[in-house]
C-alpha atoms as a PDB file:
ATOM      1  CA  UNK A   1      13.946  45.354 -55.681  1.00  0.00           C
ATOM      2  CA  UNK A   2      11.335  43.305 -57.651  1.00  0.00           C
ATOM      3  CA  UNK A   3       8.359  41.397 -56.608  1.00  0.00           C
ATOM      4  CA  UNK A   4      10.228  38.339 -55.853  1.00  0.00           C
ATOM      5  CA  UNK A   5      13.318  39.588 -54.287  1.00  0.00           C
ATOM      6  CA  UNK A   6      10.467  41.767 -52.174  1.00  0.00           C
ATOM      7  CA  UNK A   7       9.089  37.956 -50.825  1.00  0.00           C
ATOM      8  CA  UNK A   8      12.021  36.211 -49.684  1.00  0.00           C
ATOM      9  CA  UNK A   9      13.275  39.722 -47.762  1.00  0.00           C
ATOM     10  CA  UNK A  10       9.176  40.036 -45.976  1.00  0.00           C
ATOM     11  CA  UNK A  11       9.353  36.599 -45.617  1.00  0.00           C
ATOM     12  CA  UNK A  12      12.873  36.983 -43.507  1.00  0.00           C
ATOM     13  CA  UNK A  13      11.341  39.508 -41.696  1.00  0.00           C
ATOM     14  CA  UNK A  14       7.932  37.774 -41.218  1.00  0.00           C
ATOM     15  CA  UNK A  15      10.099  34.845 -39.335  1.00  0.00           C
ATOM     16  CA  UNK A  16      12.037  37.060 -37.498  1.00  0.00           C
ATOM     17  CA  UNK A  17       9.194  39.300 -35.851  1.00  0.00           C
ATOM     18  CA  UNK A  18       6.858  36.416 -35.094  1.00  0.00           C
ATOM     19  CA  UNK A  19       9.307  35.631 -32.114  1.00  0.00           C
ATOM     20  CA  UNK A  20       8.653  38.988 -30.849  1.00  0.00           C
ATOM     21  CA  UNK A  21       5.079  39.020 -29.558  1.00  0.00           C
ATOM     22  CA  UNK A  22       4.753  42.808 -29.887  1.00  0.00           C
ATOM     23  CA  UNK A  23       6.924  43.357 -32.921  1.00  0.00           C
ATOM     24  CA  UNK A  24       4.678  40.778 -34.771  1.00  0.00           C
ATOM     25  CA  UNK A  25       1.315  42.569 -33.681  1.00  0.00           C
ATOM     26  CA  UNK A  26       2.862  46.311 -34.614  1.00  0.00           C
ATOM     27  CA  UNK A  27       3.520  44.086 -38.025  1.00  0.00           C
ATOM     28  CA  UNK A  28      -0.534  43.077 -38.682  1.00  0.00           C
ATOM     29  CA  UNK A  29      -1.530  46.560 -37.382  1.00  0.00           C
ATOM     30  CA  UNK A  30       0.933  47.774 -40.313  1.00  0.00           C
ATOM     31  CA  UNK A  31      -0.581  46.157 -42.603  1.00  0.00           C
ATOM     32  CA  UNK A  32      -4.078  46.562 -41.826  1.00  0.00           C
ATOM     33  CA  UNK A  33      -3.537  50.461 -41.888  1.00  0.00           C
ATOM     34  CA  UNK A  34      -1.660  50.159 -44.940  1.00  0.00           C
ATOM     35  CA  UNK A  35      -4.443  48.125 -46.458  1.00  0.00           C
ATOM     36  CA  UNK A  36      -7.074  50.594 -46.102  1.00  0.00           C
ATOM     37  CA  UNK A  37      -5.456  53.224 -47.044  1.00  0.00           C
ATOM     38  CA  UNK A  38      -4.885  51.077 -50.579  1.00  0.00           C
ATOM     39  CA  UNK A  39      -8.619  50.371 -50.434  1.00  0.00           C
ATOM     40  CA  UNK A  40      -9.533  53.743 -50.166  1.00  0.00           C
ATOM     41  CA  UNK A  41      -7.175  56.171 -52.386  1.00  0.00           C
ATOM     42  CA  UNK A  42      -8.094  57.330 -55.815  1.00  0.00           C
ATOM     43  CA  UNK A  43      -6.142  55.680 -58.459  1.00  0.00           C
ATOM     44  CA  UNK A  44      -5.281  56.860 -61.906  1.00  0.00           C
ATOM     45  CA  UNK A  45      -7.520  55.748 -64.101  1.00  0.00           C
ATOM     46  CA  UNK A  46      -6.353  52.705 -66.264  1.00  0.00           C
ATOM     47  CA  UNK A  47      -6.505  51.558 -69.412  1.00  0.00           C
ATOM     48  CA  UNK A  48      -9.377  49.900 -70.706  1.00  0.00           C
ATOM     49  CA  UNK A  49     -10.178  46.362 -69.527  1.00  0.00           C
ATOM     50  CA  UNK A  50     -11.865  43.524 -71.971  1.00  0.00           C
ATOM     51  CA  UNK A  51     -15.815  43.754 -71.051  1.00  0.00           C
ATOM     52  CA  UNK A  52     -16.589  39.763 -70.650  1.00  0.00           C
ATOM     53  CA  UNK A  53     -19.922  40.375 -69.517  1.00  0.00           C
ATOM     54  CA  UNK A  54     -22.092  41.128 -66.680  1.00  0.00           C
ATOM     55  CA  UNK A  55     -21.161  38.717 -64.223  1.00  0.00           C
ATOM     56  CA  UNK A  56     -21.376  39.500 -60.234  1.00  0.00           C
ATOM     57  CA  UNK A  57     -18.587  39.891 -57.760  1.00  0.00           C
ATOM     58  CA  UNK A  58     -17.211  37.213 -57.139  1.00  0.00           C
ATOM     59  CA  UNK A  59     -16.797  35.736 -53.834  1.00  0.00           C
ATOM     60  CA  UNK A  60     -14.484  33.162 -51.473  1.00  0.00           C
ATOM     61  CA  UNK A  61     -17.514  31.836 -49.668  1.00  0.00           C
ATOM     62  CA  UNK A  62     -18.816  29.902 -52.444  1.00  0.00           C
ATOM     63  CA  UNK A  63     -15.614  30.398 -54.844  1.00  0.00           C
ATOM     64  CA  UNK A  64     -16.496  28.997 -58.854  1.00  0.00           C
ATOM     65  CA  UNK A  65     -13.905  29.542 -61.502  1.00  0.00           C
ATOM     66  CA  UNK A  66     -12.837  33.342 -61.150  1.00  0.00           C
ATOM     67  CA  UNK A  67     -10.780  36.456 -61.580  1.00  0.00           C
ATOM     68  CA  UNK A  68      -8.645  37.731 -58.709  1.00  0.00           C
ATOM     69  CA  UNK A  69     -10.554  40.865 -57.277  1.00  0.00           C
ATOM     70  CA  UNK A  70     -10.206  43.013 -54.106  1.00  0.00           C
ATOM     71  CA  UNK A  71     -13.352  42.483 -52.426  1.00  0.00           C
ATOM     72  CA  UNK A  72     -12.171  39.492 -52.234  1.00  0.00           C
ATOM     73  CA  UNK A  73      -9.267  40.362 -50.117  1.00  0.00           C
ATOM     74  CA  UNK A  74     -10.935  42.388 -48.041  1.00  0.00           C
ATOM     75  CA  UNK A  75     -13.279  40.204 -46.024  1.00  0.00           C
ATOM     76  CA  UNK A  76     -12.605  37.987 -42.653  1.00  0.00           C
ATOM     77  CA  UNK A  77     -12.764  34.895 -44.756  1.00  0.00           C
ATOM     78  CA  UNK A  78      -9.593  35.979 -46.801  1.00  0.00           C
ATOM     79  CA  UNK A  79      -8.130  37.523 -43.174  1.00  0.00           C
ATOM     80  CA  UNK A  80      -8.213  34.271 -41.317  1.00  0.00           C
ATOM     81  CA  UNK A  81      -6.971  32.266 -44.378  1.00  0.00           C
ATOM     82  CA  UNK A  82      -3.841  34.982 -43.853  1.00  0.00           C
ATOM     83  CA  UNK A  83      -3.458  34.499 -40.262  1.00  0.00           C
ATOM     84  CA  UNK A  84      -3.163  30.654 -41.102  1.00  0.00           C
ATOM     85  CA  UNK A  85      -0.328  31.164 -43.403  1.00  0.00           C
ATOM     86  CA  UNK A  86       1.257  33.389 -40.846  1.00  0.00           C
ATOM     87  CA  UNK A  87       1.289  36.553 -43.855  1.00  0.00           C
ATOM     88  CA  UNK A  88      -0.941  39.634 -43.071  1.00  0.00           C
ATOM     89  CA  UNK A  89      -3.449  39.804 -45.421  1.00  0.00           C
ATOM     90  CA  UNK A  90      -2.094  42.321 -48.452  1.00  0.00           C
ATOM     91  CA  UNK A  91      -3.634  43.191 -51.816  1.00  0.00           C
ATOM     92  CA  UNK A  92      -0.953  40.629 -53.374  1.00  0.00           C
ATOM     93  CA  UNK A  93      -2.245  38.042 -55.847  1.00  0.00           C
ATOM     94  CA  UNK A  94       0.031  35.144 -55.047  1.00  0.00           C
ATOM     95  CA  UNK A  95      -1.281  35.635 -51.675  1.00  0.00           C
ATOM     96  CA  UNK A  96      -4.752  35.228 -53.134  1.00  0.00           C
ATOM     97  CA  UNK A  97      -3.875  32.207 -55.193  1.00  0.00           C
ATOM     98  CA  UNK A  98      -2.791  30.558 -52.064  1.00  0.00           C
ATOM     99  CA  UNK A  99      -6.193  31.679 -50.151  1.00  0.00           C
ATOM    100  CA  UNK A 100      -8.210  30.746 -53.145  1.00  0.00           C
ATOM    101  CA  UNK A 101      -6.679  27.071 -52.711  1.00  0.00           C
ATOM    102  CA  UNK A 102      -6.992  26.698 -49.692  1.00  0.00           C
ATOM    103  CA  UNK A 103     -10.408  27.594 -49.728  1.00  0.00           C
ATOM    104  CA  UNK A 104     -11.719  25.779 -52.680  1.00  0.00           C
ATOM    105  CA  UNK A 105     -10.120  22.742 -51.312  1.00  0.00           C
ATOM    106  CA  UNK A 106     -11.562  23.061 -47.408  1.00  0.00           C
ATOM    107  CA  UNK A 107     -15.058  23.548 -48.591  1.00  0.00           C
ATOM    108  CA  UNK A 108     -14.480  20.633 -50.844  1.00  0.00           C
ATOM    109  CA  UNK A 109     -13.724  18.502 -47.546  1.00  0.00           C
ATOM    110  CA  UNK A 110     -10.154  18.029 -48.965  1.00  0.00           C
ATOM    111  CA  UNK A 111      -8.279  19.456 -45.786  1.00  0.00           C
ATOM    112  CA  UNK A 112      -8.484  16.733 -43.484  1.00  0.00           C
ATOM    113  CA  UNK A 113      -6.878  13.504 -42.195  1.00  0.00           C
ATOM    114  CA  UNK A 114      -6.340  10.763 -44.633  1.00  0.00           C
ATOM    115  CA  UNK A 115      -6.783  12.771 -47.965  1.00  0.00           C
ATOM    116  CA  UNK A 116      -3.749  12.543 -50.455  1.00  0.00           C
ATOM    117  CA  UNK A 117      -2.902  15.337 -52.498  1.00  0.00           C
ATOM    118  CA  UNK A 118      -0.466  16.106 -55.088  1.00  0.00           C
ATOM    119  CA  UNK A 119       1.114  19.756 -56.085  1.00  0.00           C
ATOM    120  CA  UNK A 120       2.644  20.476 -58.730  1.00  0.00           C
ATOM    121  CA  UNK A 121       5.506  23.033 -59.779  1.00  0.00           C
ATOM    122  CA  UNK A 122       5.431  23.577 -55.770  1.00  0.00           C
ATOM    123  CA  UNK A 123       8.358  25.856 -55.135  1.00  0.00           C
ATOM    124  CA  UNK A 124       8.686  27.541 -52.098  1.00  0.00           C
ATOM    125  CA  UNK A 125       5.259  28.141 -51.311  1.00  0.00           C
ATOM    126  CA  UNK A 126       3.419  26.883 -48.284  1.00  0.00           C
ATOM    127  CA  UNK A 127       0.360  24.982 -49.023  1.00  0.00           C
ATOM    128  CA  UNK A 128       1.812  21.251 -49.010  1.00  0.00           C
ATOM    129  CA  UNK A 129       2.645  22.690 -45.188  1.00  0.00           C
ATOM    130  CA  UNK A 130      -0.752  23.776 -44.381  1.00  0.00           C
ATOM    131  CA  UNK A 131      -2.293  20.390 -45.953  1.00  0.00           C
ATOM    132  CA  UNK A 132       0.000  18.392 -44.012  1.00  0.00           C
ATOM    133  CA  UNK A 133      -0.955  20.397 -40.738  1.00  0.00           C
ATOM    134  CA  UNK A 134      -4.544  19.147 -41.555  1.00  0.00           C
ATOM    135  CA  UNK A 135      -3.870  16.049 -41.600  1.00  0.00           C
ATOM    136  CA  UNK A 136      -3.351  15.750 -45.384  1.00  0.00           C
ATOM    137  CA  UNK A 137      -0.812  13.192 -46.902  1.00  0.00           C
ATOM    138  CA  UNK A 138       1.271  15.145 -49.788  1.00  0.00           C
ATOM    139  CA  UNK A 139       3.674  14.673 -52.912  1.00  0.00           C
ATOM    140  CA  UNK A 140       5.013  17.979 -53.263  1.00  0.00           C
ATOM    141  CA  UNK A 141       6.489  17.873 -57.022  1.00  0.00           C
ATOM    142  CA  UNK A 142       9.006  20.565 -59.064  1.00  0.00           C
ATOM    143  CA  UNK A 143      11.466  20.250 -62.224  1.00  0.00           C
ATOM    144  CA  UNK A 144      14.350  18.503 -61.413  1.00  0.00           C
ATOM    145  CA  UNK A 145      16.948  20.751 -60.259  1.00  0.00           C
ATOM    146  CA  UNK A 146      19.395  20.610 -63.607  1.00  0.00           C
ATOM    147  CA  UNK A 147      16.424  21.895 -65.709  1.00  0.00           C
ATOM    148  CA  UNK A 148      15.437  24.358 -63.671  1.00  0.00           C
ATOM    149  CA  UNK A 149      18.747  25.646 -63.163  1.00  0.00           C
ATOM    150  CA  UNK A 150      18.878  26.020 -67.142  1.00  0.00           C
ATOM    151  CA  UNK A 151      15.306  28.116 -66.674  1.00  0.00           C
ATOM    152  CA  UNK A 152      16.373  30.112 -64.249  1.00  0.00           C
ATOM    153  CA  UNK A 153      14.198  28.651 -61.443  1.00  0.00           C
ATOM    154  CA  UNK A 154      17.225  28.230 -58.835  1.00  0.00           C
ATOM    155  CA  UNK A 155      18.607  31.591 -59.066  1.00  0.00           C
ATOM    156  CA  UNK A 156      15.518  33.424 -57.872  1.00  0.00           C
ATOM    157  CA  UNK A 157      14.541  30.941 -55.610  1.00  0.00           C
ATOM    158  CA  UNK A 158      11.548  29.831 -56.633  1.00  0.00           C
ATOM    159  CA  UNK A 159      12.379  26.349 -56.793  1.00  0.00           C
ATOM    160  CA  UNK A 160      12.585  23.259 -54.709  1.00  0.00           C
ATOM    161  CA  UNK A 161      14.896  20.310 -55.022  1.00  0.00           C
ATOM    162  CA  UNK A 162      14.056  18.569 -51.686  1.00  0.00           C
ATOM    163  CA  UNK A 163      12.123  17.994 -48.752  1.00  0.00           C
ATOM    164  CA  UNK A 164      14.688  20.293 -46.533  1.00  0.00           C
ATOM    165  CA  UNK A 165      13.550  23.534 -48.679  1.00  0.00           C
ATOM    166  CA  UNK A 166      10.254  22.642 -48.606  1.00  0.00           C
ATOM    167  CA  UNK A 167       9.914  22.914 -44.938  1.00  0.00           C
ATOM    168  CA  UNK A 168      11.526  26.148 -44.904  1.00  0.00           C
ATOM    169  CA  UNK A 169       8.704  27.280 -46.654  1.00  0.00           C
ATOM    170  CA  UNK A 170       6.315  25.498 -43.581  1.00  0.00           C
ATOM    171  CA  UNK A 171       8.191  25.363 -40.158  1.00  0.00           C
ATOM    172  CA  UNK A 172       5.995  27.935 -38.986  1.00  0.00           C
ATOM    173  CA  UNK A 173       2.640  25.776 -39.070  1.00  0.00           C
ATOM    174  CA  UNK A 174       3.858  22.612 -38.749  1.00  0.00           C
ATOM    175  CA  UNK A 175       6.970  20.272 -36.935  1.00  0.00           C
ATOM    176  CA  UNK A 176       9.627  18.704 -38.811  1.00  0.00           C
ATOM    177  CA  UNK A 177       8.429  15.263 -37.652  1.00  0.00           C
ATOM    178  CA  UNK A 178       4.896  15.319 -38.818  1.00  0.00           C
ATOM    179  CA  UNK A 179       6.343  17.164 -42.145  1.00  0.00           C
ATOM    180  CA  UNK A 180       8.276  14.320 -42.782  1.00  0.00           C
ATOM    181  CA  UNK A 181       5.813  11.915 -42.273  1.00  0.00           C
ATOM    182  CA  UNK A 182       3.173  13.312 -44.186  1.00  0.00           C
ATOM    183  CA  UNK A 183       5.240  15.253 -47.141  1.00  0.00           C
ATOM    184  CA  UNK A 184       7.647  13.425 -49.875  1.00  0.00           C
ATOM    185  CA  UNK A 185       8.954  15.150 -53.069  1.00  0.00           C
ATOM    186  CA  UNK A 186       9.683  13.933 -56.197  1.00  0.00           C
ATOM    187  CA  UNK A 187      10.784  15.112 -59.431  1.00  0.00           C
ATOM    188  CA  UNK A 188       8.286  15.479 -61.826  1.00  0.00           C
ATOM    189  CA  UNK A 189       8.176  17.575 -65.218  1.00  0.00           C
ATOM    190  CA  UNK A 190       4.748  18.754 -66.005  1.00  0.00           C
ATOM    191  CA  UNK A 191       5.035  18.417 -69.437  1.00  0.00           C
ATOM    192  CA  UNK A 192       5.221  14.569 -68.943  1.00  0.00           C
ATOM    193  CA  UNK A 193       3.485  13.219 -66.095  1.00  0.00           C
ATOM    194  CA  UNK A 194       4.210  10.056 -64.906  1.00  0.00           C
ATOM    195  CA  UNK A 195       1.587   7.383 -65.205  1.00  0.00           C
ATOM    196  CA  UNK A 196       1.967   5.778 -62.549  1.00  0.00           C
ATOM    197  CA  UNK A 197       0.491   8.974 -60.700  1.00  0.00           C
ATOM    198  CA  UNK A 198      -2.939   8.640 -62.522  1.00  0.00           C
ATOM    199  CA  UNK A 199      -5.792   7.830 -60.031  1.00  0.00           C
ATOM    200  CA  UNK A 200      -4.109   8.090 -57.117  1.00  0.00           C
ATOM    201  CA  UNK A 201      -4.853  11.265 -55.517  1.00  0.00           C
ATOM    202  CA  UNK A 202      -7.907  13.548 -53.696  1.00  0.00           C
ATOM    203  CA  UNK A 203      -6.647  16.434 -54.519  1.00  0.00           C
ATOM    204  CA  UNK A 204      -4.295  18.140 -57.286  1.00  0.00           C
ATOM    205  CA  UNK A 205      -3.292  22.039 -57.068  1.00  0.00           C
ATOM    206  CA  UNK A 206      -0.812  24.338 -58.858  1.00  0.00           C
ATOM    207  CA  UNK A 207      -0.277  28.088 -58.174  1.00  0.00           C
ATOM    208  CA  UNK A 208       0.937  30.436 -61.423  1.00  0.00           C
ATOM    209  CA  UNK A 209       3.092  27.425 -62.871  1.00  0.00           C
ATOM    210  CA  UNK A 210       1.383  26.433 -66.005  1.00  0.00           C
ATOM    211  CA  UNK A 211       1.543  29.336 -67.891  1.00  0.00           C
ATOM    212  CA  UNK A 212       5.429  28.336 -67.512  1.00  0.00           C
ATOM    213  CA  UNK A 213       5.510  25.211 -69.776  1.00  0.00           C
ATOM    214  CA  UNK A 214       6.978  26.019 -73.202  1.00  0.00           C
ATOM    215  CA  UNK A 215       2.951  27.471 -74.529  1.00  0.00           C
ATOM    216  CA  UNK A 216      -0.500  27.827 -74.190  1.00  0.00           C
ATOM    217  CA  UNK A 217      -1.159  24.667 -75.716  1.00  0.00           C
ATOM    218  CA  UNK A 218       1.169  22.903 -73.385  1.00  0.00           C
ATOM    219  CA  UNK A 219      -0.127  24.969 -70.437  1.00  0.00           C
ATOM    220  CA  UNK A 220      -3.690  23.026 -71.328  1.00  0.00           C
ATOM    221  CA  UNK A 221      -2.216  19.481 -72.046  1.00  0.00           C
ATOM    222  CA  UNK A 222      -0.887  19.821 -68.787  1.00  0.00           C
ATOM    223  CA  UNK A 223      -4.092  20.769 -67.237  1.00  0.00           C
ATOM    224  CA  UNK A 224      -6.085  17.823 -68.636  1.00  0.00           C
ATOM    225  CA  UNK A 225      -3.341  15.491 -67.645  1.00  0.00           C
ATOM    226  CA  UNK A 226      -3.322  16.683 -63.990  1.00  0.00           C
ATOM    227  CA  UNK A 227      -6.834  16.046 -63.649  1.00  0.00           C
ATOM    228  CA  UNK A 228      -6.251  12.070 -64.459  1.00  0.00           C
ATOM    229  CA  UNK A 229      -4.025  11.861 -61.417  1.00  0.00           C
ATOM    230  CA  UNK A 230      -7.396  12.393 -59.472  1.00  0.00           C
ATOM    231  CA  UNK A 231      -9.149   9.815 -58.274  1.00  0.00           C
ATOM    232  CA  UNK A 232     -13.210   9.537 -58.934  1.00  0.00           C
ATOM    233  CA  UNK A 233     -15.007  12.333 -56.546  1.00  0.00           C
ATOM    234  CA  UNK A 234     -11.164  14.057 -57.146  1.00  0.00           C
ATOM    235  CA  UNK A 235     -10.806  17.819 -57.308  1.00  0.00           C
ATOM    236  CA  UNK A 236      -8.153  19.691 -59.177  1.00  0.00           C
ATOM    237  CA  UNK A 237      -7.426  23.571 -58.674  1.00  0.00           C
ATOM    238  CA  UNK A 238      -4.891  25.359 -60.555  1.00  0.00           C
ATOM    239  CA  UNK A 239      -4.095  29.220 -60.871  1.00  0.00           C
ATOM    240  CA  UNK A 240      -2.631  31.229 -63.730  1.00  0.00           C
ATOM    241  CA  UNK A 241      -1.957  34.377 -65.831  1.00  0.00           C
ATOM    242  CA  UNK A 242      -5.315  35.907 -66.751  1.00  0.00           C
ATOM    243  CA  UNK A 243      -5.509  38.204 -70.209  1.00  0.00           C
ATOM    244  CA  UNK A 244      -6.983  41.006 -69.371  1.00  0.00           C
ATOM    245  CA  UNK A 245      -6.275  43.736 -72.054  1.00  0.00           C
ATOM    246  CA  UNK A 246      -7.515  41.687 -75.227  1.00  0.00           C
ATOM    247  CA  UNK A 247      -9.444  38.151 -76.246  1.00  0.00           C
ATOM    248  CA  UNK A 248      -7.546  38.368 -79.880  1.00  0.00           C
ATOM    249  CA  UNK A 249      -3.610  39.053 -79.439  1.00  0.00           C
ATOM    250  CA  UNK A 250      -1.661  37.882 -76.462  1.00  0.00           C
ATOM    251  CA  UNK A 251       1.726  36.666 -74.994  1.00  0.00           C
ATOM    252  CA  UNK A 252       2.786  33.193 -76.042  1.00  0.00           C
ATOM    253  CA  UNK A 253       6.530  32.520 -75.377  1.00  0.00           C
ATOM    254  CA  UNK A 254       8.817  29.706 -73.652  1.00  0.00           C
ATOM    255  CA  UNK A 255       8.988  31.920 -70.259  1.00  0.00           C
ATOM    256  CA  UNK A 256       5.322  32.761 -70.029  1.00  0.00           C
ATOM    257  CA  UNK A 257       2.061  32.591 -71.629  1.00  0.00           C
ATOM    258  CA  UNK A 258      -0.994  34.524 -70.912  1.00  0.00           C
ATOM    259  CA  UNK A 259      -4.301  32.992 -70.788  1.00  0.00           C
ATOM    260  CA  UNK A 260      -7.622  34.535 -72.677  1.00  0.00           C
ATOM    261  CA  UNK A 261     -11.279  34.314 -72.375  1.00  0.00           C
ATOM    262  CA  UNK A 262     -11.005  31.940 -75.074  1.00  0.00           C
ATOM    263  CA  UNK A 263      -8.328  29.618 -73.982  1.00  0.00           C
ATOM    264  CA  UNK A 264      -9.959  28.979 -71.006  1.00  0.00           C
ATOM    265  CA  UNK A 265     -13.216  28.465 -72.714  1.00  0.00           C
ATOM    266  CA  UNK A 266     -11.682  26.366 -74.957  1.00  0.00           C
ATOM    267  CA  UNK A 267      -9.497  24.381 -72.621  1.00  0.00           C
ATOM    268  CA  UNK A 268     -12.674  23.570 -70.085  1.00  0.00           C
ATOM    269  CA  UNK A 269     -15.145  22.638 -72.965  1.00  0.00           C
ATOM    270  CA  UNK A 270     -12.073  20.319 -73.659  1.00  0.00           C
ATOM    271  CA  UNK A 271     -12.758  18.400 -70.719  1.00  0.00           C
ATOM    272  CA  UNK A 272     -16.110  18.811 -70.509  1.00  0.00           C
ATOM    273  CA  UNK A 273     -16.048  16.434 -73.473  1.00  0.00           C
ATOM    274  CA  UNK A 274     -13.900  14.187 -71.281  1.00  0.00           C
ATOM    275  CA  UNK A 275     -17.205  13.810 -68.914  1.00  0.00           C
ATOM    276  CA  UNK A 276     -15.138  15.903 -66.288  1.00  0.00           C
ATOM    277  CA  UNK A 277     -17.277  18.329 -63.927  1.00  0.00           C
ATOM    278  CA  UNK A 278     -15.920  22.468 -64.436  1.00  0.00           C
ATOM    279  CA  UNK A 279     -16.997  25.013 -62.255  1.00  0.00           C
ATOM    280  CA  UNK A 280     -18.598  28.029 -63.642  1.00  0.00           C
ATOM    281  CA  UNK A 281     -16.829  30.631 -65.398  1.00  0.00           C
ATOM    282  CA  UNK A 282     -16.747  34.479 -63.437  1.00  0.00           C
ATOM    283  CA  UNK A 283     -14.840  36.855 -65.800  1.00  0.00           C
ATOM    284  CA  UNK A 284     -15.754  40.041 -63.157  1.00  0.00           C
ATOM    285  CA  UNK A 285     -12.478  42.148 -63.066  1.00  0.00           C
ATOM    286  CA  UNK A 286     -13.548  43.540 -59.747  1.00  0.00           C
ATOM    287  CA  UNK A 287     -15.007  47.131 -59.059  1.00  0.00           C
ATOM    288  CA  UNK A 288     -13.368  48.276 -56.137  1.00  0.00           C
ATOM    289  CA  UNK A 289     -10.707  51.311 -56.174  1.00  0.00           C
ATOM    290  CA  UNK A 290      -7.503  49.380 -55.894  1.00  0.00           C
ATOM    291  CA  UNK A 291      -9.063  47.302 -59.163  1.00  0.00           C
ATOM    292  CA  UNK A 292      -8.044  50.328 -61.191  1.00  0.00           C
ATOM    293  CA  UNK A 293      -4.633  49.937 -60.267  1.00  0.00           C
ATOM    294  CA  UNK A 294      -2.532  48.379 -62.420  1.00  0.00           C
ATOM    295  CA  UNK A 295       1.317  47.498 -61.063  1.00  0.00           C
ATOM    296  CA  UNK A 296       4.419  48.060 -63.298  1.00  0.00           C
ATOM    297  CA  UNK A 297       7.560  46.835 -63.416  1.00  0.00           C
ATOM    298  CA  UNK A 298       9.561  46.517 -61.180  1.00  0.00           C
ATOM    299  CA  UNK A 299       6.527  45.153 -59.061  1.00  0.00           C
ATOM    300  CA  UNK A 300       5.691  46.658 -56.085  1.00  0.00           C
ATOM    301  CA  UNK A 301       4.462  44.281 -53.127  1.00  0.00           C
ATOM    302  CA  UNK A 302       1.020  45.868 -52.772  1.00  0.00           C
ATOM    303  CA  UNK A 303      -1.137  46.901 -54.160  1.00  0.00           C
ATOM    304  CA  UNK A 304      -0.021  43.997 -57.280  1.00  0.00           C
ATOM    305  CA  UNK A 305      -3.946  42.389 -57.932  1.00  0.00           C
ATOM    306  CA  UNK A 306      -3.177  43.753 -61.484  1.00  0.00           C
ATOM    307  CA  UNK A 307      -0.261  43.992 -63.356  1.00  0.00           C
ATOM    308  CA  UNK A 308       1.401  45.152 -66.909  1.00  0.00           C
ATOM    309  CA  UNK A 309       3.389  42.080 -68.119  1.00  0.00           C
ATOM    310  CA  UNK A 310       4.688  41.827 -72.084  1.00  0.00           C
ATOM    311  CA  UNK A 311       2.077  44.569 -72.945  1.00  0.00           C
ATOM    312  CA  UNK A 312      -0.771  43.010 -71.350  1.00  0.00           C
ATOM    313  CA  UNK A 313      -2.529  44.024 -68.240  1.00  0.00           C
ATOM    314  CA  UNK A 314      -3.017  40.747 -66.764  1.00  0.00           C
ATOM    315  CA  UNK A 315      -4.287  38.966 -63.243  1.00  0.00           C
ATOM    316  CA  UNK A 316      -4.738  35.542 -61.857  1.00  0.00           C
ATOM    317  CA  UNK A 317      -7.857  33.229 -62.693  1.00  0.00           C
ATOM    318  CA  UNK A 318      -8.739  30.219 -60.702  1.00  0.00           C
ATOM    319  CA  UNK A 319      -9.804  27.284 -61.889  1.00  0.00           C
ATOM    320  CA  UNK A 320     -11.593  24.469 -60.647  1.00  0.00           C
ATOM    321  CA  UNK A 321     -12.377  20.774 -62.271  1.00  0.00           C
ATOM    322  CA  UNK A 322     -13.653  17.902 -60.785  1.00  0.00           C
ATOM    323  CA  UNK A 323     -13.484  13.875 -61.717  1.00  0.00           C
ATOM    324  CA  UNK A 324     -17.080  12.733 -61.315  1.00  0.00           C
ATOM    325  CA  UNK A 325     -17.712   9.903 -58.538  1.00  0.00           C
END
């Protein structure tokens, strides 16, 4: 069973056991014990990763543009956000992406009533519902249904075509009435963001979506266009694939591109040239035992922080961009 199928299966398990208080407690304890074991076991020495420089261990207390590392997932802060998502903390980079986005937006003052948020490539993720729970008004977007079907996103249950599907990922956090009052849906091609969305939102986000836009350049152009949707003082938070094997060669295919340090620096340099404020970069790859583990296909559920993809070792990187007041 691949990691996508496992996510769908585990989501069903969570919905079932949450209705049985003792079972939910046992389920949470299982993941605490399993995570402790995974954090402390000895893993084989991993393939060499690129040394990107002397950066401090990244933290979620004061997040910058940073990589996913195991120490961030072993904190009370991380477990608190996972509790809000009704998803026991585990060594999962996808779960880290959600927590990273939530934490950045909270400390930026965006998770409160009246704030307007725009999500790109939302798929079946919980973020829209959680933002609505905090009182935000959200426009969730995804690729038009027919094109998503052609690209395989529908069959793998990574696409939404309307609010009913999005609410199914949020029904544990917020009532149907509140969700439908605060969240709306619109099909949007991330390669062609409509002009009428520009300068309308307090925050925008995407979780590992921009690498699927056809090329490295298209993903970079998306980020630059997404920040034009921000009001003055607004913030964008995006996560994507990051190449740990090389700063020279990489994967660039229609289905997935893997960003190197040089691509990230080029993108952020272009944003700064247009007067956007970019959070400092931290390329520390993590010093924990779990950070040495490289997941290989068919991918497991946990640990799944670093993985082999198209011949490269990759993890997730989060980027923070602000529009000046």
